[in-house]
Amino acid sequence: MNDALTAEVLRNALVVTAEEASVVVVRSAYSTFIVEGSDASAAVLDVRGRLIAQSMATTLMNSMALKVALPFLLADHPPATMAPGDAYVMNDAYRGGVHTNDLLVYRPVFVEGEPAYLTATMIHVSDLGGLSAGGMAPLATDIFLEGLQLPPVRLATAEGIVPAVEAILRANSRTPDKVMGDVRALLAGTAVAAARLSSLVTEYGAAGLAEGIDAYLDYTEARTRAALTELPRAVSPRRTRSTTTASTPAARTPSVSPSPSPPTARRLRTRSPGSREFGGRRNAERARAERAGAGAGLRRALPWWWTSRGQARRCPPPSTPPPPSRWRPPSSPCAASSTPPSP
């Protein structure tokens, strides 16, 4: 199939396949976050790990996750071990996933008895445990507080969802019924996309579909490279300055290279501003004054119980003991006030 028009028709058919899968997930999900926000991703991939088509109404980050996680799935479950009706799920953030509440579901599509393509869907399910409900845990200090982690595992077979996986998902969720509703929506999306892809194989043939996919992927790469060549060439500022200087008459005169600084000067520049080698007593006094000014600003911003430790060293001892009130006027941090301000 070398017809560019046919390849474009195939491209749009595959994009519509992925888009229809995402619509099915949104309309079948139980979570309000998915139903109201339409936050669902779908894609069509092949066993070579290439992203063939993706739903257009979702972010590129989710499509990237579906593509990046696929090699890890194929490493744990080689295509030779897959059977018709199988589906796989994972959410490992270190193997392509986004975070624990984003479930990635894959379904192989068989062509002539062998898996050639995979349809994939992804949504943020209602809850998978963790520190906070819904998977949004801003106070989490490690990934274990985000929720249940799933390596690539077989989620379903031709007979239905694997009971052991369903039991694990239900036991680790605050909303088990909604989670399983979301999982079934993900499976439905992959099933619809697999059916549409199988119809394309029947219409164009296995070789024709593969040639059409290769043709439009090559066309996409050619257009991308052509667009990159039209960008202006970046010029380093250092190179521009040296070229401009060389074109002027002054640049033709021999220049004397500056003598290297003595070792003592290089050593002194690495000292602290308050040391004698850097600038003597004047710089030391300036550094102390800057530190004192910064301390005054902190005394105005921090509570009295925090700054009293440093003020005992800077402020002179009062003639009379201060009252038990913790308030002091901001204009004079060292002067105690006899009466606190009126509320």
Protein backbone atom coordinates (compact mmCIF):
# COMPACT_ATOMS: atom_id res chain seq x y z
CA MET A 1 0.00 0.00 0.00
CA ASN A 2 1.86 3.03 -1.30
CA ASP A 3 -1.14 5.33 -1.73
CA ALA A 4 -0.66 8.44 0.44
CA LEU A 5 -4.41 9.06 0.49
CA THR A 6 -5.12 5.57 1.81
CA ALA A 7 -2.45 6.00 4.47
CA GLU A 8 -4.11 9.22 5.59
CA VAL A 9 -7.48 7.47 5.75
CA LEU A 10 -5.92 4.76 7.91
CA ARG A 11 -4.35 7.34 10.19
CA ASN A 12 -7.69 9.01 10.84
CA ALA A 13 -9.37 5.64 11.33
CA LEU A 14 -6.82 4.69 13.99
CA VAL A 15 -7.15 8.05 15.73
CA VAL A 16 -10.94 7.64 15.79
CA THR A 17 -10.41 4.15 17.23
CA ALA A 18 -8.42 5.56 20.14
CA GLU A 19 -10.85 8.44 20.58
CA GLU A 20 -13.83 6.09 20.70
CA ALA A 21 -12.10 4.02 23.37
CA SER A 22 -11.62 7.10 25.57
CA VAL A 23 -15.28 8.07 25.11
CA VAL A 24 -16.38 4.59 26.18
CA VAL A 25 -14.22 4.84 29.31
CA VAL A 26 -15.68 8.23 30.26
CA ARG A 27 -19.27 7.09 29.76
CA SER A 28 -18.71 3.82 31.65
CA ALA A 29 -16.61 4.98 34.60
CA TYR A 30 -18.01 5.27 38.11
CA SER A 31 -15.74 8.02 39.45
CA THR A 32 -17.05 11.57 39.35
CA PHE A 33 -13.57 12.78 38.48
CA ILE A 34 -13.72 10.82 35.21
CA VAL A 35 -17.37 11.34 34.35
CA GLU A 36 -17.37 15.11 34.93
CA GLY A 37 -13.80 15.88 33.89
CA SER A 38 -13.57 13.48 30.90
CA ASP A 39 -10.04 12.67 31.99
CA ALA A 40 -9.39 9.45 30.08
CA SER A 41 -6.62 8.46 27.71
CA ALA A 42 -6.49 5.78 25.05
CA ALA A 43 -3.93 4.67 22.50
CA VAL A 44 -3.14 2.08 19.87
CA LEU A 45 0.36 0.57 19.95
CA ASP A 46 2.18 -2.35 18.37
CA VAL A 47 4.39 -5.08 19.80
CA ARG A 48 7.46 -3.15 18.63
CA GLY A 49 6.64 -0.50 21.24
CA ARG A 50 5.55 2.19 18.78
CA LEU A 51 2.72 4.59 19.56
CA ILE A 52 0.49 4.35 16.48
CA ALA A 53 -2.46 6.53 17.47
CA GLN A 54 -3.76 8.32 20.54
CA SER A 55 -6.92 10.03 21.68
CA MET A 56 -6.78 13.72 20.88
CA ALA A 57 -8.76 15.00 23.87
CA THR A 58 -6.13 14.10 26.48
CA THR A 59 -2.71 15.32 27.48
CA LEU A 60 0.48 14.11 25.86
CA MET A 61 1.80 13.08 29.28
CA ASN A 62 -0.72 10.25 29.49
CA SER A 63 0.05 9.05 25.97
CA MET A 64 3.73 9.13 26.87
CA ALA A 65 3.04 6.95 29.90
CA LEU A 66 1.17 4.38 27.80
CA LYS A 67 4.11 4.18 25.39
CA VAL A 68 6.91 4.18 27.98
CA ALA A 69 5.29 1.51 30.15
CA LEU A 70 4.72 -0.91 27.26
CA PRO A 71 8.31 -2.32 27.12
CA PHE A 72 8.11 -3.19 30.81
CA LEU A 73 4.83 -5.00 30.23
CA LEU A 74 6.28 -6.97 27.31
CA ALA A 75 9.36 -7.83 29.38
CA ASP A 76 7.24 -9.38 32.15
CA HIS A 77 4.66 -10.88 29.79
CA PRO A 78 6.20 -11.70 26.40
CA PRO A 79 3.79 -11.74 23.43
CA ALA A 80 4.20 -15.51 23.15
CA THR A 81 2.52 -15.95 26.55
CA MET A 82 -0.52 -13.83 25.70
CA ALA A 83 -3.88 -15.30 24.74
CA PRO A 84 -6.99 -13.83 23.12
CA GLY A 85 -9.12 -12.05 25.73
CA ASP A 86 -6.21 -11.27 28.05
CA ALA A 87 -5.81 -7.83 29.58
CA TYR A 88 -3.04 -6.46 31.75
CA VAL A 89 -2.87 -3.68 34.32
CA MET A 90 -0.05 -1.75 35.98
CA ASN A 91 0.60 1.55 37.73
CA ASP A 92 4.29 1.36 38.70
CA ALA A 93 5.59 4.93 38.63
CA TYR A 94 9.15 3.70 38.11
CA ARG A 95 8.21 1.69 35.03
CA GLY A 96 6.27 4.20 32.99
CA GLY A 97 3.31 4.97 35.23
CA VAL A 98 2.36 8.46 36.38
CA HIS A 99 1.25 7.83 39.97
CA THR A 100 -0.48 5.01 41.79
CA ASN A 101 -4.08 6.05 41.11
CA ASP A 102 -3.50 6.09 37.34
CA LEU A 103 -4.19 2.57 36.12
CA LEU A 104 -2.83 1.54 32.71
CA VAL A 105 -4.71 -1.30 31.03
CA TYR A 106 -3.48 -3.10 27.88
CA ARG A 107 -5.23 -5.63 25.64
CA PRO A 108 -3.40 -7.52 22.87
CA VAL A 109 -4.93 -7.66 19.38
CA PHE A 110 -4.17 -10.85 17.48
CA VAL A 111 -3.46 -10.92 13.77
CA GLU A 112 -3.12 -14.33 12.11
CA GLY A 113 -2.85 -16.02 15.50
CA GLU A 114 -0.13 -13.79 16.96
CA PRO A 115 -0.35 -10.55 18.99
CA ALA A 116 0.58 -7.69 16.66
CA TYR A 117 -1.05 -4.65 18.29
CA LEU A 118 -2.20 -3.52 21.71
CA THR A 119 -4.98 -1.19 22.72
CA ALA A 120 -4.48 0.75 25.94
CA THR A 121 -6.55 2.95 28.23
CA MET A 122 -5.69 4.95 31.31
CA ILE A 123 -7.66 6.90 33.93
CA HIS A 124 -7.30 8.16 37.48
CA VAL A 125 -9.44 5.72 39.46
CA SER A 126 -11.36 6.75 42.55
CA ASP A 127 -9.04 5.42 45.28
CA LEU A 128 -6.25 2.89 45.75
CA GLY A 129 -5.37 3.46 49.38
CA GLY A 130 -2.50 5.59 50.54
CA LEU A 131 -2.24 8.55 52.86
CA SER A 132 -5.27 10.44 51.55
CA ALA A 133 -8.41 9.45 49.71
CA GLY A 134 -8.33 9.82 45.95
CA GLY A 135 -4.59 9.40 45.58
CA MET A 136 -3.68 13.06 46.07
CA ALA A 137 -1.22 12.93 48.98
CA PRO A 138 0.79 16.18 49.12
CA LEU A 139 2.30 15.22 52.47
CA ALA A 140 3.58 11.84 51.28
CA THR A 141 7.27 11.30 51.99
CA ASP A 142 7.64 8.16 49.87
CA ILE A 143 5.77 6.31 47.17
CA PHE A 144 4.30 3.80 49.61
CA LEU A 145 2.08 6.55 51.03
CA GLU A 146 0.55 7.18 47.61
CA GLY A 147 -1.30 3.88 47.47
CA LEU A 148 -1.21 0.35 46.09
CA GLN A 149 1.54 -0.37 43.57
CA LEU A 150 0.91 -2.85 40.79
CA PRO A 151 3.58 -4.34 38.57
CA PRO A 152 2.42 -5.58 35.16
CA VAL A 153 -0.09 -8.31 36.05
CA ARG A 154 -2.82 -10.15 34.14
CA LEU A 155 -6.06 -8.37 34.96
CA ALA A 156 -8.52 -10.40 32.89
CA THR A 157 -8.81 -13.40 30.63
CA ALA A 158 -11.44 -14.49 28.16
CA GLU A 159 -13.53 -15.65 31.14
CA GLY A 160 -13.49 -12.26 32.89
CA ILE A 161 -11.55 -10.39 35.57
CA VAL A 162 -9.09 -12.50 37.55
CA PRO A 163 -10.69 -12.97 41.03
CA ALA A 164 -7.38 -12.61 42.91
CA VAL A 165 -6.60 -9.25 41.30
CA GLU A 166 -10.12 -8.00 41.99
CA ALA A 167 -9.79 -9.01 45.64
CA ILE A 168 -6.51 -7.11 45.94
CA LEU A 169 -7.98 -3.97 44.38
CA ARG A 170 -11.05 -4.08 46.62
CA ALA A 171 -9.02 -4.68 49.78
CA ASN A 172 -6.80 -1.64 49.11
CA SER A 173 -9.49 0.90 48.27
CA ARG A 174 -11.77 3.08 50.34
CA THR A 175 -14.34 2.89 47.52
CA PRO A 176 -14.10 -0.70 46.24
CA ASP A 177 -17.27 -0.61 44.12
CA LYS A 178 -16.21 2.58 42.32
CA VAL A 179 -12.72 1.23 41.72
CA MET A 180 -14.04 -1.94 40.11
CA GLY A 181 -16.46 0.13 38.06
CA ASP A 182 -13.53 2.18 36.78
CA VAL A 183 -11.55 -0.98 36.04
CA ARG A 184 -14.42 -2.42 34.02
CA ALA A 185 -14.65 0.88 32.12
CA LEU A 186 -10.96 0.59 31.24
CA LEU A 187 -11.48 -2.95 30.01
CA ALA A 188 -14.49 -1.88 27.94
CA GLY A 189 -12.44 0.85 26.27
CA THR A 190 -9.69 -1.56 25.26
CA ALA A 191 -12.28 -4.07 23.98
CA VAL A 192 -13.96 -1.48 21.75
CA ALA A 193 -10.62 -0.33 20.36
CA ALA A 194 -9.56 -3.94 19.73
CA ALA A 195 -12.79 -4.60 17.82
CA ARG A 196 -12.29 -1.52 15.62
CA LEU A 197 -8.69 -2.50 14.97
CA SER A 198 -9.69 -6.04 14.03
CA SER A 199 -12.18 -4.63 11.51
CA LEU A 200 -9.39 -2.58 9.91
CA VAL A 201 -7.28 -5.73 9.63
CA THR A 202 -10.18 -7.47 7.93
CA GLU A 203 -10.75 -4.58 5.53
CA TYR A 204 -7.16 -3.84 4.52
CA GLY A 205 -5.44 -7.10 5.38
CA ALA A 206 -2.60 -7.63 7.82
CA ALA A 207 0.10 -6.58 5.36
CA GLY A 208 -1.91 -3.65 4.04
CA LEU A 209 -2.56 -2.27 7.53
CA ALA A 210 1.09 -2.65 8.51
CA GLU A 211 2.25 -0.88 5.32
CA GLY A 212 -0.24 1.91 5.85
CA ILE A 213 0.92 2.44 9.43
CA ASP A 214 4.57 2.51 8.37
CA ALA A 215 3.73 4.94 5.57
CA TYR A 216 2.01 7.53 7.73
CA LEU A 217 4.57 7.22 10.53
CA ASP A 218 7.32 7.90 7.98
CA TYR A 219 5.29 10.81 6.63
CA THR A 220 4.90 12.20 10.15
CA GLU A 221 8.65 11.95 10.73
CA ALA A 222 9.39 13.69 7.42
CA ARG A 223 7.05 16.58 8.26
CA THR A 224 8.58 16.92 11.72
CA ARG A 225 12.12 17.03 10.33
CA ALA A 226 11.08 19.58 7.69
CA ALA A 227 9.55 21.80 10.37
CA LEU A 228 12.73 21.58 12.45
CA THR A 229 14.89 22.64 9.50
CA GLU A 230 12.81 25.82 9.10
CA LEU A 231 13.71 26.99 12.60
CA PRO A 232 16.44 29.68 12.72
CA ARG A 233 19.88 28.35 13.47
CA ALA A 234 20.94 29.08 17.01
CA VAL A 235 24.12 31.14 17.34
CA SER A 236 26.14 31.18 20.52
CA PRO A 237 26.58 34.69 22.00
CA ARG A 238 30.27 33.99 22.51
CA ARG A 239 30.67 33.09 18.85
CA THR A 240 28.80 36.23 17.78
CA ARG A 241 30.98 38.44 19.96
CA SER A 242 34.19 36.92 18.68
CA THR A 243 33.06 37.28 15.04
CA THR A 244 32.09 40.93 15.54
CA THR A 245 35.36 41.72 17.26
CA ALA A 246 37.41 40.11 14.52
CA SER A 247 35.73 42.27 11.86
CA THR A 248 36.70 45.58 13.49
CA PRO A 249 40.08 47.28 12.83
CA ALA A 250 40.95 47.23 16.50
CA ALA A 251 40.89 43.48 16.48
CA ARG A 252 43.72 43.36 13.93
CA THR A 253 46.11 45.06 16.32
CA PRO A 254 48.15 42.68 18.41
CA SER A 255 46.72 42.37 21.84
CA VAL A 256 48.69 41.67 24.96
CA SER A 257 47.27 38.90 27.03
CA PRO A 258 46.72 39.93 30.65
CA SER A 259 49.20 38.60 33.08
CA PRO A 260 47.86 35.92 35.36
CA SER A 261 46.86 37.02 38.79
CA PRO A 262 49.29 36.09 41.53
CA PRO A 263 48.52 33.02 43.61
CA THR A 264 47.94 35.19 46.66
CA ALA A 265 45.13 37.10 44.97
CA ARG A 266 43.47 33.92 43.80
CA ARG A 267 43.71 32.54 47.31
CA LEU A 268 42.30 35.70 48.89
CA ARG A 269 39.23 35.74 46.62
CA THR A 270 38.17 32.41 47.99
CA ARG A 271 38.10 33.62 51.59
CA SER A 272 34.99 34.68 53.41
CA PRO A 273 33.97 38.38 53.43
CA GLY A 274 34.62 38.63 57.16
CA SER A 275 38.23 37.40 57.09
CA ARG A 276 41.22 39.73 57.31
CA GLU A 277 42.78 38.45 54.09
CA PHE A 278 39.74 39.42 52.04
CA GLY A 279 39.67 43.09 52.99
CA GLY A 280 40.83 43.71 56.50
CA ARG A 281 38.93 45.08 59.42
CA ARG A 282 36.65 47.31 57.31
CA ASN A 283 35.07 44.40 55.48
CA ALA A 284 34.72 42.47 58.72
CA GLU A 285 32.84 45.36 60.30
CA ARG A 286 30.63 45.67 57.22
CA ALA A 287 29.77 41.97 57.35
CA ARG A 288 28.89 42.26 61.03
CA ALA A 289 26.65 45.25 60.30
CA GLU A 290 24.85 43.35 57.54
CA ARG A 291 24.30 40.40 59.83
CA ALA A 292 22.97 42.71 62.54
CA GLY A 293 20.53 44.30 60.06
CA ALA A 294 19.32 40.91 58.92
CA GLY A 295 18.85 39.91 62.54
CA ALA A 296 16.74 43.00 63.18
CA GLY A 297 14.49 42.03 60.27
CA LEU A 298 14.14 38.53 61.65
CA ARG A 299 13.29 39.92 65.09
CA ARG A 300 10.34 41.75 63.55
CA ALA A 301 9.17 38.69 61.63
CA LEU A 302 9.71 35.92 64.19
CA PRO A 303 7.98 35.49 67.55
CA TRP A 304 9.61 36.67 70.76
CA TRP A 305 10.31 33.21 72.08
CA TRP A 306 12.44 32.53 68.97
CA THR A 307 14.50 35.74 68.87
CA SER A 308 15.12 36.12 72.59
CA ARG A 309 18.15 33.85 72.35
CA GLY A 310 19.99 36.14 69.98
CA GLN A 311 18.89 39.39 71.70
CA ALA A 312 20.40 38.33 75.00
CA ARG A 313 23.79 38.65 73.30
CA ARG A 314 23.20 41.92 71.39
CA CYS A 315 20.99 43.99 73.71
CA PRO A 316 22.37 45.56 76.91
CA PRO A 317 20.82 44.33 80.16
CA PRO A 318 17.80 46.52 81.11
CA SER A 319 17.92 48.61 84.27
CA THR A 320 14.58 47.19 85.35
CA PRO A 321 13.32 43.68 84.60
CA PRO A 322 10.82 43.61 81.69
CA PRO A 323 7.18 42.73 82.33
CA PRO A 324 5.99 39.19 81.66
CA SER A 325 4.38 40.30 78.38
CA ARG A 326 6.04 38.88 75.24
CA TRP A 327 5.28 41.96 73.15
CA ARG A 328 7.99 44.47 72.18
CA PRO A 329 7.63 47.44 69.81
CA PRO A 330 9.00 46.67 66.32
CA SER A 331 10.90 49.98 66.12
CA SER A 332 13.09 49.12 69.10
CA PRO A 333 13.59 45.37 69.52
CA CYS A 334 15.90 45.85 72.50
CA ALA A 335 13.58 48.10 74.52
CA ALA A 336 11.02 46.38 76.70
CA SER A 337 7.50 47.79 76.77
CA SER A 338 5.67 48.22 80.00
CA THR A 339 2.23 47.69 78.50
CA PRO A 340 1.22 45.57 75.56
CA PRO A 341 -0.77 47.14 72.70
CA SER A 342 -4.49 47.25 72.98
CA PRO A 343 -6.20 44.47 71.00
